[in-house]
Amino acid sequence: MKYMKQFGIILTVTCAGEIVKSLIPLPVPGSIYGLVLMLGLLASGKLRVESVKETGEFLIEIMPMMFIPAAVGLMASWEQLRPVLFPVCVITAVSTFLVMIVTGKVTDFFLSKKEKSSEGGKKNE
């Protein structure tokens, strides 16, 4: 019963994200609004992590299975995909590489900023 309650909470927040999407005329998926709402609820303390933890972990564990229909769809549309396969692969590789670089640089920036602030606190002691 605990899992049903947790899943219900997740579905409710997801549904709220879909409602927000219908109210805000931006090209943002409802699932993104739902994730932002969930983050806000968790960060504000209105929803505790323990309230959705086990079901969230379960959903993360089965996530690879959720990609099977997309992979089958790609296989089914192979004839349409074949002429643009090389450009799609190049774009995918380049964008993945760029995302990795930007993520690393942003992480380095925040880590160095955190180290400087902790060193400044130690010098004042």
PDB file of N, CA and C in Angstrom:
ATOM      1  N   MET A   1       0.824  -1.192   0.000  1.00  0.00           N
ATOM      2  CA  MET A   1       0.000   0.000   0.000  1.00  0.00           C
ATOM      3  C   MET A   1       0.873   1.263   0.000  1.00  0.00           C
ATOM      4  N   LYS A   2       2.046   1.154   0.648  1.00  0.00           N
ATOM      5  CA  LYS A   2       2.965   2.284   0.712  1.00  0.00           C
ATOM      6  C   LYS A   2       3.386   2.704  -0.691  1.00  0.00           C
ATOM      7  N   TYR A   3       3.656   1.704  -1.563  1.00  0.00           N
ATOM      8  CA  TYR A   3       4.086   2.006  -2.917  1.00  0.00           C
ATOM      9  C   TYR A   3       2.967   2.661  -3.727  1.00  0.00           C
ATOM     10  N   MET A   4       1.748   2.256  -3.492  1.00  0.00           N
ATOM     11  CA  MET A   4       0.620   2.863  -4.192  1.00  0.00           C
ATOM     12  C   MET A   4       0.475   4.329  -3.801  1.00  0.00           C
ATOM     13  N   LYS A   5       0.669   4.623  -2.527  1.00  0.00           N
ATOM     14  CA  LYS A   5       0.575   6.009  -2.060  1.00  0.00           C
ATOM     15  C   LYS A   5       1.691   6.846  -2.687  1.00  0.00           C
ATOM     16  N   GLN A   6       2.911   6.313  -2.686  1.00  0.00           N
ATOM     17  CA  GLN A   6       4.040   7.040  -3.261  1.00  0.00           C
ATOM     18  C   GLN A   6       3.839   7.253  -4.762  1.00  0.00           C
ATOM     19  N   PHE A   7       3.370   6.222  -5.445  1.00  0.00           N
ATOM     20  CA  PHE A   7       3.123   6.346  -6.875  1.00  0.00           C
ATOM     21  C   PHE A   7       2.012   7.360  -7.130  1.00  0.00           C
ATOM     22  N   GLY A   8       1.005   7.380  -6.272  1.00  0.00           N
ATOM     23  CA  GLY A   8      -0.068   8.360  -6.389  1.00  0.00           C
ATOM     24  C   GLY A   8       0.442   9.784  -6.246  1.00  0.00           C
ATOM     25  N   ILE A   9       1.370   9.992  -5.317  1.00  0.00           N
ATOM     26  CA  ILE A   9       1.960  11.326  -5.140  1.00  0.00           C
ATOM     27  C   ILE A   9       2.705  11.739  -6.402  1.00  0.00           C
ATOM     28  N   ILE A  10       3.496  10.827  -6.940  1.00  0.00           N
ATOM     29  CA  ILE A  10       4.267  11.129  -8.157  1.00  0.00           C
ATOM     30  C   ILE A  10       3.320  11.421  -9.319  1.00  0.00           C
ATOM     31  N   LEU A  11       2.279  10.618  -9.471  1.00  0.00           N
ATOM     32  CA  LEU A  11       1.318  10.853 -10.550  1.00  0.00           C
ATOM     33  C   LEU A  11       0.569  12.165 -10.370  1.00  0.00           C
ATOM     34  N   THR A  12       0.246  12.521  -9.131  1.00  0.00           N
ATOM     35  CA  THR A  12      -0.446  13.785  -8.873  1.00  0.00           C
ATOM     36  C   THR A  12       0.418  14.973  -9.274  1.00  0.00           C
ATOM     37  N   VAL A  13       1.695  14.921  -8.920  1.00  0.00           N
ATOM     38  CA  VAL A  13       2.603  16.015  -9.287  1.00  0.00           C
ATOM     39  C   VAL A  13       2.788  16.057 -10.804  1.00  0.00           C
ATOM     40  N   THR A  14       2.859  14.887 -11.436  1.00  0.00           N
ATOM     41  CA  THR A  14       2.973  14.835 -12.894  1.00  0.00           C
ATOM     42  C   THR A  14       1.734  15.420 -13.553  1.00  0.00           C
ATOM     43  N   CYS A  15       0.573  15.087 -13.026  1.00  0.00           N
ATOM     44  CA  CYS A  15      -0.687  15.626 -13.541  1.00  0.00           C
ATOM     45  C   CYS A  15      -0.731  17.142 -13.358  1.00  0.00           C
ATOM     46  N   ALA A  16      -0.263  17.622 -12.216  1.00  0.00           N
ATOM     47  CA  ALA A  16      -0.209  19.071 -11.984  1.00  0.00           C
ATOM     48  C   ALA A  16       0.702  19.733 -13.009  1.00  0.00           C
ATOM     49  N   GLY A  17       1.789  19.068 -13.383  1.00  0.00           N
ATOM     50  CA  GLY A  17       2.678  19.580 -14.424  1.00  0.00           C
ATOM     51  C   GLY A  17       1.974  19.689 -15.763  1.00  0.00           C
ATOM     52  N   GLU A  18       1.137  18.709 -16.080  1.00  0.00           N
ATOM     53  CA  GLU A  18       0.367  18.762 -17.320  1.00  0.00           C
ATOM     54  C   GLU A  18      -0.655  19.900 -17.288  1.00  0.00           C
ATOM     55  N   ILE A  19      -1.241  20.138 -16.131  1.00  0.00           N
ATOM     56  CA  ILE A  19      -2.196  21.249 -16.000  1.00  0.00           C
ATOM     57  C   ILE A  19      -1.473  22.584 -16.179  1.00  0.00           C
ATOM     58  N   VAL A  20      -0.307  22.713 -15.560  1.00  0.00           N
ATOM     59  CA  VAL A  20       0.484  23.942 -15.714  1.00  0.00           C
ATOM     60  C   VAL A  20       0.837  24.148 -17.183  1.00  0.00           C
ATOM     61  N   LYS A  21       1.175  23.056 -17.887  1.00  0.00           N
ATOM     62  CA  LYS A  21       1.509  23.155 -19.316  1.00  0.00           C
ATOM     63  C   LYS A  21       0.338  23.704 -20.109  1.00  0.00           C
ATOM     64  N   SER A  22      -0.871  23.281 -19.770  1.00  0.00           N
ATOM     65  CA  SER A  22      -2.033  23.770 -20.511  1.00  0.00           C
ATOM     66  C   SER A  22      -2.324  25.239 -20.198  1.00  0.00           C
ATOM     67  N   LEU A  23      -1.857  25.732 -19.062  1.00  0.00           N
ATOM     68  CA  LEU A  23      -2.091  27.125 -18.679  1.00  0.00           C
ATOM     69  C   LEU A  23      -1.015  28.077 -19.186  1.00  0.00           C
ATOM     70  N   ILE A  24       0.208  27.579 -19.351  1.00  0.00           N
ATOM     71  CA  ILE A  24       1.331  28.420 -19.776  1.00  0.00           C
ATOM     72  C   ILE A  24       1.656  28.097 -21.235  1.00  0.00           C
ATOM     73  N   PRO A  25       1.554  29.081 -22.123  1.00  0.00           N
ATOM     74  CA  PRO A  25       1.765  28.812 -23.554  1.00  0.00           C
ATOM     75  C   PRO A  25       3.237  28.805 -23.969  1.00  0.00           C
ATOM     76  N   LEU A  26       4.027  27.976 -23.330  1.00  0.00           N
ATOM     77  CA  LEU A  26       5.435  27.831 -23.691  1.00  0.00           C
ATOM     78  C   LEU A  26       5.660  26.426 -24.247  1.00  0.00           C
ATOM     79  N   PRO A  27       6.647  26.255 -25.120  1.00  0.00           N
ATOM     80  CA  PRO A  27       6.920  24.920 -25.680  1.00  0.00           C
ATOM     81  C   PRO A  27       7.741  24.054 -24.729  1.00  0.00           C
ATOM     82  N   VAL A  28       7.243  23.893 -23.504  1.00  0.00           N
ATOM     83  CA  VAL A  28       7.920  23.086 -22.488  1.00  0.00           C
ATOM     84  C   VAL A  28       7.009  21.903 -22.170  1.00  0.00           C
ATOM     85  N   PRO A  29       7.533  20.680 -22.187  1.00  0.00           N
ATOM     86  CA  PRO A  29       6.696  19.516 -21.881  1.00  0.00           C
ATOM     87  C   PRO A  29       6.145  19.564 -20.451  1.00  0.00           C
ATOM     88  N   GLY A  30       4.975  18.996 -20.282  1.00  0.00           N
ATOM     89  CA  GLY A  30       4.360  18.943 -18.962  1.00  0.00           C
ATOM     90  C   GLY A  30       5.196  18.174 -17.960  1.00  0.00           C
ATOM     91  N   SER A  31       5.947  17.191 -18.429  1.00  0.00           N
ATOM     92  CA  SER A  31       6.793  16.411 -17.520  1.00  0.00           C
ATOM     93  C   SER A  31       7.879  17.285 -16.897  1.00  0.00           C
ATOM     94  N   ILE A  32       8.364  18.272 -17.644  1.00  0.00           N
ATOM     95  CA  ILE A  32       9.378  19.182 -17.099  1.00  0.00           C
ATOM     96  C   ILE A  32       8.758  20.050 -16.016  1.00  0.00           C
ATOM     97  N   TYR A  33       7.552  20.555 -16.281  1.00  0.00           N
ATOM     98  CA  TYR A  33       6.853  21.315 -15.247  1.00  0.00           C
ATOM     99  C   TYR A  33       6.634  20.450 -14.001  1.00  0.00           C
ATOM    100  N   GLY A  34       6.294  19.184 -14.223  1.00  0.00           N
ATOM    101  CA  GLY A  34       6.105  18.276 -13.100  1.00  0.00           C
ATOM    102  C   GLY A  34       7.382  18.079 -12.306  1.00  0.00           C
ATOM    103  N   LEU A  35       8.512  17.947 -12.992  1.00  0.00           N
ATOM    104  CA  LEU A  35       9.791  17.796 -12.296  1.00  0.00           C
ATOM    105  C   LEU A  35      10.131  19.043 -11.490  1.00  0.00           C
ATOM    106  N   VAL A  36       9.861  20.216 -12.071  1.00  0.00           N
ATOM    107  CA  VAL A  36      10.127  21.463 -11.349  1.00  0.00           C
ATOM    108  C   VAL A  36       9.212  21.572 -10.130  1.00  0.00           C
ATOM    109  N   LEU A  37       7.946  21.180 -10.294  1.00  0.00           N
ATOM    110  CA  LEU A  37       7.029  21.188  -9.143  1.00  0.00           C
ATOM    111  C   LEU A  37       7.499  20.225  -8.053  1.00  0.00           C
ATOM    112  N   MET A  38       7.940  19.030  -8.457  1.00  0.00           N
ATOM    113  CA  MET A  38       8.434  18.053  -7.482  1.00  0.00           C
ATOM    114  C   MET A  38       9.663  18.598  -6.762  1.00  0.00           C
ATOM    115  N   LEU A  39      10.578  19.211  -7.509  1.00  0.00           N
ATOM    116  CA  LEU A  39      11.767  19.810  -6.904  1.00  0.00           C
ATOM    117  C   LEU A  39      11.363  20.892  -5.903  1.00  0.00           C
ATOM    118  N   GLY A  40      10.413  21.732  -6.288  1.00  0.00           N
ATOM    119  CA  GLY A  40       9.956  22.785  -5.380  1.00  0.00           C
ATOM    120  C   GLY A  40       9.341  22.225  -4.119  1.00  0.00           C
ATOM    121  N   LEU A  41       8.528  21.194  -4.250  1.00  0.00           N
ATOM    122  CA  LEU A  41       7.913  20.571  -3.075  1.00  0.00           C
ATOM    123  C   LEU A  41       8.952  19.942  -2.165  1.00  0.00           C
ATOM    124  N   LEU A  42       9.928  19.266  -2.764  1.00  0.00           N
ATOM    125  CA  LEU A  42      10.970  18.628  -1.960  1.00  0.00           C
ATOM    126  C   LEU A  42      11.882  19.664  -1.314  1.00  0.00           C
ATOM    127  N   ALA A  43      12.254  20.699  -2.064  1.00  0.00           N
ATOM    128  CA  ALA A  43      13.165  21.722  -1.534  1.00  0.00           C
ATOM    129  C   ALA A  43      12.508  22.545  -0.432  1.00  0.00           C
ATOM    130  N   SER A  44      11.195  22.777  -0.555  1.00  0.00           N
ATOM    131  CA  SER A  44      10.504  23.587   0.448  1.00  0.00           C
ATOM    132  C   SER A  44      10.163  22.789   1.705  1.00  0.00           C
ATOM    133  N   GLY A  45      10.252  21.487   1.625  1.00  0.00           N
ATOM    134  CA  GLY A  45       9.930  20.662   2.779  1.00  0.00           C
ATOM    135  C   GLY A  45       8.456  20.289   2.862  1.00  0.00           C
ATOM    136  N   LYS A  46       7.665  20.733   1.897  1.00  0.00           N
ATOM    137  CA  LYS A  46       6.238  20.382   1.893  1.00  0.00           C
ATOM    138  C   LYS A  46       6.043  18.899   1.582  1.00  0.00           C
ATOM    139  N   LEU A  47       7.028  18.315   0.920  1.00  0.00           N
ATOM    140  CA  LEU A  47       7.021  16.891   0.616  1.00  0.00           C
ATOM    141  C   LEU A  47       8.372  16.330   1.027  1.00  0.00           C
ATOM    142  N   ARG A  48       8.349  15.299   1.848  1.00  0.00           N
ATOM    143  CA  ARG A  48       9.609  14.692   2.292  1.00  0.00           C
ATOM    144  C   ARG A  48      10.063  13.649   1.276  1.00  0.00           C
ATOM    145  N   VAL A  49      11.370  13.500   1.151  1.00  0.00           N
ATOM    146  CA  VAL A  49      11.940  12.533   0.219  1.00  0.00           C
ATOM    147  C   VAL A  49      11.427  11.128   0.554  1.00  0.00           C
ATOM    148  N   GLU A  50      11.292  10.836   1.827  1.00  0.00           N
ATOM    149  CA  GLU A  50      10.820   9.510   2.247  1.00  0.00           C
ATOM    150  C   GLU A  50       9.427   9.208   1.704  1.00  0.00           C
ATOM    151  N   SER A  51       8.668  10.247   1.353  1.00  0.00           N
ATOM    152  CA  SER A  51       7.306  10.055   0.851  1.00  0.00           C
ATOM    153  C   SER A  51       7.280   9.477  -0.557  1.00  0.00           C
ATOM    154  N   VAL A  52       8.388   9.553  -1.290  1.00  0.00           N
ATOM    155  CA  VAL A  52       8.421   9.052  -2.670  1.00  0.00           C
ATOM    156  C   VAL A  52       9.685   8.252  -2.979  1.00  0.00           C
ATOM    157  N   LYS A  53      10.519   8.015  -1.984  1.00  0.00           N
ATOM    158  CA  LYS A  53      11.849   7.440  -2.222  1.00  0.00           C
ATOM    159  C   LYS A  53      11.810   6.046  -2.850  1.00  0.00           C
ATOM    160  N   GLU A  54      11.095   5.107  -2.242  1.00  0.00           N
ATOM    161  CA  GLU A  54      11.123   3.728  -2.733  1.00  0.00           C
ATOM    162  C   GLU A  54      10.552   3.619  -4.144  1.00  0.00           C
ATOM    163  N   THR A  55       9.447   4.295  -4.402  1.00  0.00           N
ATOM    164  CA  THR A  55       8.857   4.240  -5.735  1.00  0.00           C
ATOM    165  C   THR A  55       9.750   4.947  -6.745  1.00  0.00           C
ATOM    166  N   GLY A  56      10.371   6.051  -6.363  1.00  0.00           N
ATOM    167  CA  GLY A  56      11.303   6.742  -7.243  1.00  0.00           C
ATOM    168  C   GLY A  56      12.480   5.863  -7.596  1.00  0.00           C
ATOM    169  N   GLU A  57      13.015   5.150  -6.616  1.00  0.00           N
ATOM    170  CA  GLU A  57      14.129   4.230  -6.883  1.00  0.00           C
ATOM    171  C   GLU A  57      13.699   3.112  -7.827  1.00  0.00           C
ATOM    172  N   PHE A  58      12.481   2.594  -7.616  1.00  0.00           N
ATOM    173  CA  PHE A  58      11.958   1.545  -8.506  1.00  0.00           C
ATOM    174  C   PHE A  58      11.846   2.056  -9.936  1.00  0.00           C
ATOM    175  N   LEU A  59      11.307   3.267 -10.110  1.00  0.00           N
ATOM    176  CA  LEU A  59      11.151   3.827 -11.446  1.00  0.00           C
ATOM    177  C   LEU A  59      12.508   4.053 -12.125  1.00  0.00           C
ATOM    178  N   ILE A  60      13.505   4.434 -11.348  1.00  0.00           N
ATOM    179  CA  ILE A  60      14.849   4.607 -11.911  1.00  0.00           C
ATOM    180  C   ILE A  60      15.424   3.251 -12.330  1.00  0.00           C
ATOM    181  N   GLU A  61      15.160   2.208 -11.531  1.00  0.00           N
ATOM    182  CA  GLU A  61      15.671   0.875 -11.858  1.00  0.00           C
ATOM    183  C   GLU A  61      15.087   0.343 -13.154  1.00  0.00           C
ATOM    184  N   ILE A  62      13.819   0.622 -13.435  1.00  0.00           N
ATOM    185  CA  ILE A  62      13.186   0.086 -14.644  1.00  0.00           C
ATOM    186  C   ILE A  62      13.278   1.043 -15.832  1.00  0.00           C
ATOM    187  N   MET A  63      13.967   2.165 -15.653  1.00  0.00           N
ATOM    188  CA  MET A  63      14.063   3.159 -16.725  1.00  0.00           C
ATOM    189  C   MET A  63      14.596   2.586 -18.043  1.00  0.00           C
ATOM    190  N   PRO A  64      15.612   1.716 -18.037  1.00  0.00           N
ATOM    191  CA  PRO A  64      16.078   1.180 -19.323  1.00  0.00           C
ATOM    192  C   PRO A  64      14.981   0.476 -20.117  1.00  0.00           C
ATOM    193  N   MET A  65      14.047  -0.179 -19.433  1.00  0.00           N
ATOM    194  CA  MET A  65      12.944  -0.845 -20.135  1.00  0.00           C
ATOM    195  C   MET A  65      12.039   0.157 -20.842  1.00  0.00           C
ATOM    196  N   MET A  66      11.998   1.377 -20.336  1.00  0.00           N
ATOM    197  CA  MET A  66      11.140   2.391 -20.936  1.00  0.00           C
ATOM    198  C   MET A  66      11.659   2.849 -22.296  1.00  0.00           C
ATOM    199  N   PHE A  67      12.914   2.560 -22.605  1.00  0.00           N
ATOM    200  CA  PHE A  67      13.482   2.950 -23.893  1.00  0.00           C
ATOM    201  C   PHE A  67      13.237   1.902 -24.977  1.00  0.00           C
ATOM    202  N   ILE A  68      12.724   0.738 -24.620  1.00  0.00           N
ATOM    203  CA  ILE A  68      12.484  -0.318 -25.608  1.00  0.00           C
ATOM    204  C   ILE A  68      11.488   0.130 -26.678  1.00  0.00           C
ATOM    205  N   PRO A  69      10.338   0.735 -26.321  1.00  0.00           N
ATOM    206  CA  PRO A  69       9.421   1.171 -27.388  1.00  0.00           C
ATOM    207  C   PRO A  69      10.051   2.197 -28.334  1.00  0.00           C
ATOM    208  N   ALA A  70      10.866   3.101 -27.810  1.00  0.00           N
ATOM    209  CA  ALA A  70      11.524   4.081 -28.677  1.00  0.00           C
ATOM    210  C   ALA A  70      12.491   3.393 -29.632  1.00  0.00           C
ATOM    211  N   ALA A  71      13.227   2.400 -29.127  1.00  0.00           N
ATOM    212  CA  ALA A  71      14.170   1.673 -29.981  1.00  0.00           C
ATOM    213  C   ALA A  71      13.433   0.888 -31.064  1.00  0.00           C
ATOM    214  N   VAL A  72      12.311   0.299 -30.712  1.00  0.00           N
ATOM    215  CA  VAL A  72      11.509  -0.431 -31.699  1.00  0.00           C
ATOM    216  C   VAL A  72      10.963   0.539 -32.739  1.00  0.00           C
ATOM    217  N   GLY A  73      10.563   1.731 -32.295  1.00  0.00           N
ATOM    218  CA  GLY A  73      10.083   2.741 -33.236  1.00  0.00           C
ATOM    219  C   GLY A  73      11.164   3.164 -34.215  1.00  0.00           C
ATOM    220  N   LEU A  74      12.399   3.285 -33.726  1.00  0.00           N
ATOM    221  CA  LEU A  74      13.509   3.615 -34.621  1.00  0.00           C
ATOM    222  C   LEU A  74      13.747   2.498 -35.633  1.00  0.00           C
ATOM    223  N   MET A  75      13.655   1.267 -35.172  1.00  0.00           N
ATOM    224  CA  MET A  75      13.854   0.141 -36.081  1.00  0.00           C
ATOM    225  C   MET A  75      12.744   0.082 -37.121  1.00  0.00           C
ATOM    226  N   ALA A  76      11.525   0.404 -36.704  1.00  0.00           N
ATOM    227  CA  ALA A  76      10.397   0.360 -37.632  1.00  0.00           C
ATOM    228  C   ALA A  76      10.502   1.450 -38.690  1.00  0.00           C
ATOM    229  N   SER A  77      11.128   2.562 -38.367  1.00  0.00           N
ATOM    230  CA  SER A  77      11.266   3.664 -39.340  1.00  0.00           C
ATOM    231  C   SER A  77      12.682   3.731 -39.905  1.00  0.00           C
ATOM    232  N   TRP A  78      13.344   2.584 -40.011  1.00  0.00           N
ATOM    233  CA  TRP A  78      14.723   2.531 -40.477  1.00  0.00           C
ATOM    234  C   TRP A  78      14.881   3.119 -41.885  1.00  0.00           C
ATOM    235  N   GLU A  79      13.935   2.878 -42.770  1.00  0.00           N
ATOM    236  CA  GLU A  79      14.049   3.374 -44.148  1.00  0.00           C
ATOM    237  C   GLU A  79      14.058   4.905 -44.193  1.00  0.00           C
ATOM    238  N   GLN A  80      13.295   5.561 -43.325  1.00  0.00           N
ATOM    239  CA  GLN A  80      13.292   7.021 -43.286  1.00  0.00           C
ATOM    240  C   GLN A  80      14.532   7.557 -42.572  1.00  0.00           C
ATOM    241  N   LEU A  81      15.064   6.790 -41.654  1.00  0.00           N
ATOM    242  CA  LEU A  81      16.213   7.227 -40.861  1.00  0.00           C
ATOM    243  C   LEU A  81      17.538   7.048 -41.611  1.00  0.00           C
ATOM    244  N   ARG A  82      17.622   6.053 -42.476  1.00  0.00           N
ATOM    245  CA  ARG A  82      18.886   5.719 -43.143  1.00  0.00           C
ATOM    246  C   ARG A  82      19.520   6.894 -43.899  1.00  0.00           C
ATOM    247  N   PRO A  83      18.784   7.700 -44.663  1.00  0.00           N
ATOM    248  CA  PRO A  83      19.437   8.803 -45.398  1.00  0.00           C
ATOM    249  C   PRO A  83      20.042   9.887 -44.488  1.00  0.00           C
ATOM    250  N   VAL A  84      19.522  10.035 -43.285  1.00  0.00           N
ATOM    251  CA  VAL A  84      20.028  11.086 -42.390  1.00  0.00           C
ATOM    252  C   VAL A  84      20.810  10.504 -41.218  1.00  0.00           C
ATOM    253  N   LEU A  85      21.168   9.229 -41.316  1.00  0.00           N
ATOM    254  CA  LEU A  85      21.832   8.558 -40.196  1.00  0.00           C
ATOM    255  C   LEU A  85      23.185   9.186 -39.869  1.00  0.00           C
ATOM    256  N   PHE A  86      24.005   9.465 -40.881  1.00  0.00           N
ATOM    257  CA  PHE A  86      25.333  10.030 -40.615  1.00  0.00           C
ATOM    258  C   PHE A  86      25.235  11.407 -39.952  1.00  0.00           C
ATOM    259  N   PRO A  87      24.440  12.343 -40.490  1.00  0.00           N
ATOM    260  CA  PRO A  87      24.330  13.643 -39.803  1.00  0.00           C
ATOM    261  C   PRO A  87      23.783  13.527 -38.376  1.00  0.00           C
ATOM    262  N   VAL A  88      22.834  12.645 -38.175  1.00  0.00           N
ATOM    263  CA  VAL A  88      22.272  12.462 -36.828  1.00  0.00           C
ATOM    264  C   VAL A  88      23.344  11.930 -35.887  1.00  0.00           C
ATOM    265  N   CYS A  89      24.147  10.992 -36.329  1.00  0.00           N
ATOM    266  CA  CYS A  89      25.225  10.442 -35.484  1.00  0.00           C
ATOM    267  C   CYS A  89      26.269  11.505 -35.161  1.00  0.00           C
ATOM    268  N   VAL A  90      26.630  12.319 -36.165  1.00  0.00           N
ATOM    269  CA  VAL A  90      27.609  13.385 -35.931  1.00  0.00           C
ATOM    270  C   VAL A  90      27.058  14.407 -34.940  1.00  0.00           C
ATOM    271  N   ILE A  91      25.821  14.828 -35.145  1.00  0.00           N
ATOM    272  CA  ILE A  91      25.200  15.803 -34.243  1.00  0.00           C
ATOM    273  C   ILE A  91      25.104  15.240 -32.831  1.00  0.00           C
ATOM    274  N   THR A  92      24.739  13.974 -32.709  1.00  0.00           N
ATOM    275  CA  THR A  92      24.632  13.342 -31.399  1.00  0.00           C
ATOM    276  C   THR A  92      25.987  13.297 -30.704  1.00  0.00           C
ATOM    277  N   ALA A  93      27.026  12.901 -31.432  1.00  0.00           N
ATOM    278  CA  ALA A  93      28.367  12.813 -30.834  1.00  0.00           C
ATOM    279  C   ALA A  93      28.869  14.196 -30.418  1.00  0.00           C
ATOM    280  N   VAL A  94      28.722  15.185 -31.299  1.00  0.00           N
ATOM    281  CA  VAL A  94      29.205  16.538 -30.994  1.00  0.00           C
ATOM    282  C   VAL A  94      28.441  17.137 -29.817  1.00  0.00           C
ATOM    283  N   SER A  95      27.122  17.011 -29.830  1.00  0.00           N
ATOM    284  CA  SER A  95      26.340  17.595 -28.735  1.00  0.00           C
ATOM    285  C   SER A  95      26.615  16.885 -27.412  1.00  0.00           C
ATOM    286  N   THR A  96      26.818  15.574 -27.441  1.00  0.00           N
ATOM    287  CA  THR A  96      27.161  14.849 -26.216  1.00  0.00           C
ATOM    288  C   THR A  96      28.498  15.342 -25.672  1.00  0.00           C
ATOM    289  N   PHE A  97      29.472  15.506 -26.551  1.00  0.00           N
ATOM    290  CA  PHE A  97      30.788  15.986 -26.157  1.00  0.00           C
ATOM    291  C   PHE A  97      30.696  17.391 -25.558  1.00  0.00           C
ATOM    292  N   LEU A  98      29.933  18.275 -26.211  1.00  0.00           N
ATOM    293  CA  LEU A  98      29.769  19.642 -25.710  1.00  0.00           C
ATOM    294  C   LEU A  98      29.080  19.665 -24.346  1.00  0.00           C
ATOM    295  N   VAL A  99      28.072  18.835 -24.178  1.00  0.00           N
ATOM    296  CA  VAL A  99      27.364  18.786 -22.890  1.00  0.00           C
ATOM    297  C   VAL A  99      28.314  18.300 -21.800  1.00  0.00           C
ATOM    298  N   MET A 100      29.165  17.318 -22.111  1.00  0.00           N
ATOM    299  CA  MET A 100      30.120  16.826 -21.129  1.00  0.00           C
ATOM    300  C   MET A 100      31.115  17.923 -20.742  1.00  0.00           C
ATOM    301  N   ILE A 101      31.600  18.675 -21.720  1.00  0.00           N
ATOM    302  CA  ILE A 101      32.553  19.748 -21.432  1.00  0.00           C
ATOM    303  C   ILE A 101      31.904  20.835 -20.583  1.00  0.00           C
ATOM    304  N   VAL A 102      30.727  21.289 -20.990  1.00  0.00           N
ATOM    305  CA  VAL A 102      30.049  22.355 -20.246  1.00  0.00           C
ATOM    306  C   VAL A 102      29.715  21.897 -18.831  1.00  0.00           C
ATOM    307  N   THR A 103      29.242  20.674 -18.687  1.00  0.00           N
ATOM    308  CA  THR A 103      28.922  20.150 -17.355  1.00  0.00           C
ATOM    309  C   THR A 103      30.170  20.101 -16.482  1.00  0.00           C
ATOM    310  N   GLY A 104      31.279  19.645 -17.035  1.00  0.00           N
ATOM    311  CA  GLY A 104      32.532  19.605 -16.281  1.00  0.00           C
ATOM    312  C   GLY A 104      33.005  20.982 -15.871  1.00  0.00           C
ATOM    313  N   LYS A 105      32.927  21.946 -16.792  1.00  0.00           N
ATOM    314  CA  LYS A 105      33.370  23.313 -16.482  1.00  0.00           C
ATOM    315  C   LYS A 105      32.491  23.949 -15.408  1.00  0.00           C
ATOM    316  N   VAL A 106      31.186  23.746 -15.511  1.00  0.00           N
ATOM    317  CA  VAL A 106      30.273  24.305 -14.503  1.00  0.00           C
ATOM    318  C   VAL A 106      30.533  23.664 -13.147  1.00  0.00           C
ATOM    319  N   THR A 107      30.745  22.345 -13.130  1.00  0.00           N
ATOM    320  CA  THR A 107      31.039  21.655 -11.876  1.00  0.00           C
ATOM    321  C   THR A 107      32.352  22.155 -11.289  1.00  0.00           C
ATOM    322  N   ASP A 108      33.383  22.293 -12.118  1.00  0.00           N
ATOM    323  CA  ASP A 108      34.668  22.837 -11.641  1.00  0.00           C
ATOM    324  C   ASP A 108      34.491  24.228 -11.055  1.00  0.00           C
ATOM    325  N   PHE A 109      33.699  25.068 -11.728  1.00  0.00           N
ATOM    326  CA  PHE A 109      33.474  26.431 -11.254  1.00  0.00           C
ATOM    327  C   PHE A 109      32.853  26.418  -9.856  1.00  0.00           C
ATOM    328  N   PHE A 110      31.796  25.619  -9.694  1.00  0.00           N
ATOM    329  CA  PHE A 110      31.119  25.609  -8.400  1.00  0.00           C
ATOM    330  C   PHE A 110      31.967  24.954  -7.315  1.00  0.00           C
ATOM    331  N   LEU A 111      32.749  23.940  -7.668  1.00  0.00           N
ATOM    332  CA  LEU A 111      33.627  23.324  -6.675  1.00  0.00           C
ATOM    333  C   LEU A 111      34.723  24.290  -6.234  1.00  0.00           C
ATOM    334  N   SER A 112      35.308  25.021  -7.186  1.00  0.00           N
ATOM    335  CA  SER A 112      36.346  25.986  -6.808  1.00  0.00           C
ATOM    336  C   SER A 112      35.744  27.127  -5.997  1.00  0.00           C
ATOM    337  N   LYS A 113      34.529  27.526  -6.330  1.00  0.00           N
ATOM    338  CA  LYS A 113      33.850  28.579  -5.563  1.00  0.00           C
ATOM    339  C   LYS A 113      33.569  28.099  -4.136  1.00  0.00           C
ATOM    340  N   LYS A 114      33.186  26.834  -4.003  1.00  0.00           N
ATOM    341  CA  LYS A 114      32.922  26.264  -2.677  1.00  0.00           C
ATOM    342  C   LYS A 114      34.210  26.171  -1.873  1.00  0.00           C
ATOM    343  N   GLU A 115      35.314  25.751  -2.518  1.00  0.00           N
ATOM    344  CA  GLU A 115      36.600  25.650  -1.823  1.00  0.00           C
ATOM    345  C   GLU A 115      37.090  27.008  -1.360  1.00  0.00           C
ATOM    346  N   LYS A 116      36.916  28.037  -2.203  1.00  0.00           N
ATOM    347  CA  LYS A 116      37.346  29.390  -1.833  1.00  0.00           C
ATOM    348  C   LYS A 116      36.533  29.908  -0.648  1.00  0.00           C
ATOM    349  N   SER A 117      35.233  29.627  -0.641  1.00  0.00           N
ATOM    350  CA  SER A 117      34.408  30.113   0.468  1.00  0.00           C
ATOM    351  C   SER A 117      34.730  29.365   1.765  1.00  0.00           C
ATOM    352  N   SER A 118      35.069  28.078   1.659  1.00  0.00           N
ATOM    353  CA  SER A 118      35.429  27.346   2.876  1.00  0.00           C
ATOM    354  C   SER A 118      36.823  27.749   3.364  1.00  0.00           C
ATOM    355  N   GLU A 119      37.737  28.085   2.449  1.00  0.00           N
ATOM    356  CA  GLU A 119      39.063  28.564   2.859  1.00  0.00           C
ATOM    357  C   GLU A 119      38.966  29.935   3.509  1.00  0.00           C
ATOM    358  N   GLY A 120      38.092  30.781   2.987  1.00  0.00           N
ATOM    359  CA  GLY A 120      37.907  32.111   3.571  1.00  0.00           C
ATOM    360  C   GLY A 120      37.373  32.032   4.986  1.00  0.00           C
ATOM    361  N   GLY A 121      36.511  31.046   5.236  1.00  0.00           N
ATOM    362  CA  GLY A 121      35.971  30.857   6.582  1.00  0.00           C
ATOM    363  C   GLY A 121      37.023  30.350   7.542  1.00  0.00           C
ATOM    364  N   LYS A 122      37.963  29.525   7.040  1.00  0.00           N
ATOM    365  CA  LYS A 122      39.019  29.005   7.907  1.00  0.00           C
ATOM    366  C   LYS A 122      40.020  30.076   8.254  1.00  0.00           C
ATOM    367  N   LYS A 123      40.300  31.004   7.317  1.00  0.00           N
ATOM    368  CA  LYS A 123      41.273  32.067   7.593  1.00  0.00           C
ATOM    369  C   LYS A 123      40.744  33.040   8.637  1.00  0.00           C
ATOM    370  N   ASN A 124      39.432  33.217   8.679  1.00  0.00           N
ATOM    371  CA  ASN A 124      38.830  34.157   9.638  1.00  0.00           C
ATOM    372  C   ASN A 124      38.782  33.591  11.051  1.00  0.00           C
ATOM    373  N   GLU A 125      38.983  32.295  11.179  1.00  0.00           N
ATOM    374  CA  GLU A 125      38.877  31.675  12.512  1.00  0.00           C
ATOM    375  C   GLU A 125      40.115  31.910  13.331  1.00  0.00           C
TER     376      GLU A 125
END
